[in-house]
């Protein structure tokens, strides 16, 4: 878990990136989105599938195992371009983890969990799955 200072910086970075990326996201995406919930996704599915003339009559629920554990750091950093805190983001990605009984393990891929930027996984999920090519509903 990041220390308090890191959490503050992560929240600042998330607050800076989120508005831009929120504008780019697939409108039907509900996963890890601010102001959107599971109930919103269920409501959207219901409205899409209801009625006698509905073209879509089923929904697929899928869990992409370890999707965030496999994020390519170089590609993610390339995607955020010349963002002023890019170096800080790179450092967080490479920070590593300490596991009891195993010691320190460096992180070569994936995104951290449990920090203030975890909600930033919205950005990562859209980056990973191509935004408009995959929707969460």
Protein backbone atom coordinates (compact mmCIF):
# COMPACT_ATOMS: atom_id res chain seq x y z
CA UNK A 1 0.00 0.00 0.00
CA UNK A 2 1.41 3.37 -0.93
CA UNK A 3 2.33 5.80 1.78
CA UNK A 4 0.16 8.86 2.41
CA UNK A 5 2.27 11.17 0.22
CA UNK A 6 2.02 8.75 -2.70
CA UNK A 7 -1.74 8.50 -2.21
CA UNK A 8 -2.03 12.30 -2.41
CA UNK A 9 0.07 12.44 -5.59
CA UNK A 10 -1.87 9.54 -7.11
CA UNK A 11 -5.16 11.31 -6.42
CA UNK A 12 -3.82 14.47 -8.08
CA UNK A 13 -2.71 12.52 -11.15
CA UNK A 14 -6.04 10.69 -11.33
CA UNK A 15 -7.92 13.98 -11.05
CA UNK A 16 -5.81 15.43 -13.86
CA UNK A 17 -6.16 12.46 -16.23
CA UNK A 18 -9.74 11.40 -15.51
CA UNK A 19 -11.65 14.25 -17.25
CA UNK A 20 -9.75 13.82 -20.52
CA UNK A 21 -10.07 10.05 -20.57
CA UNK A 22 -13.65 10.06 -19.37
CA UNK A 23 -14.51 12.07 -22.52
CA UNK A 24 -12.88 9.38 -24.73
CA UNK A 25 -14.51 6.31 -23.19
CA UNK A 26 -17.18 4.16 -24.74
CA UNK A 27 -20.51 5.54 -23.47
CA UNK A 28 -21.75 2.02 -22.70
CA UNK A 29 -18.78 1.19 -20.49
CA UNK A 30 -19.68 0.94 -16.79
CA UNK A 31 -16.65 -0.76 -15.20
CA UNK A 32 -14.57 1.39 -12.83
CA UNK A 33 -16.26 4.62 -13.98
CA UNK A 34 -16.91 7.58 -11.66
CA UNK A 35 -20.61 8.15 -11.15
CA UNK A 36 -21.54 4.77 -12.63
CA UNK A 37 -22.54 1.67 -10.75
CA UNK A 38 -23.50 -1.96 -11.26
CA UNK A 39 -27.13 -0.87 -11.01
CA UNK A 40 -26.58 1.55 -13.92
CA UNK A 41 -25.18 -1.29 -16.04
CA UNK A 42 -28.10 -3.57 -15.11
CA UNK A 43 -30.54 -0.81 -16.05
CA UNK A 44 -28.85 -0.32 -19.43
CA UNK A 45 -28.98 -4.07 -20.11
CA UNK A 46 -32.66 -4.17 -19.15
CA UNK A 47 -33.53 -1.28 -21.47
CA UNK A 48 -31.58 -2.88 -24.33
CA UNK A 49 -33.21 -6.32 -23.93
CA UNK A 50 -36.82 -5.40 -23.07
CA UNK A 51 -39.74 -5.26 -25.45
CA UNK A 52 -41.05 -7.46 -28.25
CA UNK A 53 -38.87 -5.80 -30.93
CA UNK A 54 -35.58 -6.03 -29.03
CA UNK A 55 -32.75 -7.19 -31.29
CA UNK A 56 -30.55 -8.13 -28.36
CA UNK A 57 -32.09 -10.62 -25.99
CA UNK A 58 -29.09 -11.88 -23.97
CA UNK A 59 -26.17 -10.49 -22.00
CA UNK A 60 -22.70 -11.87 -21.45
CA UNK A 61 -21.05 -11.51 -18.05
CA UNK A 62 -17.30 -12.09 -18.30
CA UNK A 63 -14.43 -11.72 -15.86
CA UNK A 64 -11.11 -11.21 -17.59
CA UNK A 65 -8.79 -12.97 -15.17
CA UNK A 66 -5.64 -11.04 -14.29
CA UNK A 67 -6.27 -8.43 -17.02
CA UNK A 68 -4.73 -5.66 -14.92
CA UNK A 69 -1.81 -7.88 -13.93
CA UNK A 70 -0.62 -7.98 -17.55
CA UNK A 71 -0.68 -4.29 -18.55
CA UNK A 72 2.40 -3.38 -20.60
CA UNK A 73 4.08 -0.44 -18.85
CA UNK A 74 5.74 0.97 -21.97
CA UNK A 75 2.48 1.00 -23.92
CA UNK A 76 0.58 2.57 -21.03
CA UNK A 77 3.20 5.33 -20.66
CA UNK A 78 3.16 5.91 -24.42
CA UNK A 79 -0.62 6.33 -24.23
CA UNK A 80 -0.41 9.13 -21.64
CA UNK A 81 2.14 10.90 -23.84
CA UNK A 82 3.87 13.98 -22.41
CA UNK A 83 1.73 14.20 -19.29
CA UNK A 84 3.67 16.28 -16.71
CA UNK A 85 3.63 13.54 -14.05
CA UNK A 86 4.58 10.79 -16.52
CA UNK A 87 7.84 10.00 -14.68
CA UNK A 88 5.93 9.66 -11.40
CA UNK A 89 3.45 7.27 -13.02
CA UNK A 90 6.36 5.20 -14.38
CA UNK A 91 7.86 5.02 -10.89
CA UNK A 92 4.56 3.82 -9.39
CA UNK A 93 4.26 1.13 -12.04
CA UNK A 94 7.78 -0.14 -11.28
CA UNK A 95 7.54 0.23 -7.47
CA UNK A 96 7.24 -3.51 -6.82
CA UNK A 97 5.48 -5.31 -4.00
CA UNK A 98 6.53 -6.76 -0.67
CA UNK A 99 5.00 -10.16 0.10
CA UNK A 100 5.35 -11.79 3.54
CA UNK A 101 7.56 -14.83 3.26
CA UNK A 102 8.68 -13.94 -0.25
CA UNK A 103 10.21 -10.50 0.23
CA UNK A 104 10.37 -7.78 -2.40
CA UNK A 105 9.21 -8.60 -5.92
CA UNK A 106 9.78 -6.08 -8.72
CA UNK A 107 6.86 -5.31 -11.05
CA UNK A 108 7.65 -5.58 -14.74
CA UNK A 109 4.03 -5.50 -15.90
CA UNK A 110 0.59 -4.80 -14.48
CA UNK A 111 -0.87 -1.97 -12.43
CA UNK A 112 -0.80 -1.56 -8.64
CA UNK A 113 -3.83 -2.17 -6.46
CA UNK A 114 -4.91 -0.38 -3.32
CA UNK A 115 -3.58 3.09 -4.08
CA UNK A 116 -5.31 6.35 -4.80
CA UNK A 117 -4.82 5.79 -8.52
CA UNK A 118 -6.66 2.47 -8.47
CA UNK A 119 -9.73 4.23 -9.81
CA UNK A 120 -7.42 5.18 -12.62
CA UNK A 121 -7.90 1.61 -13.76
CA UNK A 122 -10.78 3.08 -15.73
CA UNK A 123 -8.13 4.63 -17.95
CA UNK A 124 -6.20 1.38 -17.99
CA UNK A 125 -9.26 -0.69 -18.89
CA UNK A 126 -10.09 1.56 -21.83
CA UNK A 127 -6.43 1.50 -22.91
CA UNK A 128 -6.31 -2.29 -22.63
CA UNK A 129 -9.52 -3.14 -24.41
CA UNK A 130 -9.47 -0.35 -26.99
CA UNK A 131 -12.32 1.80 -25.66
CA UNK A 132 -14.75 1.89 -28.53
CA UNK A 133 -14.08 -1.69 -29.61
CA UNK A 134 -15.37 -3.22 -26.40
CA UNK A 135 -18.15 -2.00 -24.18
CA UNK A 136 -18.94 -3.20 -20.71
CA UNK A 137 -22.68 -3.53 -21.38
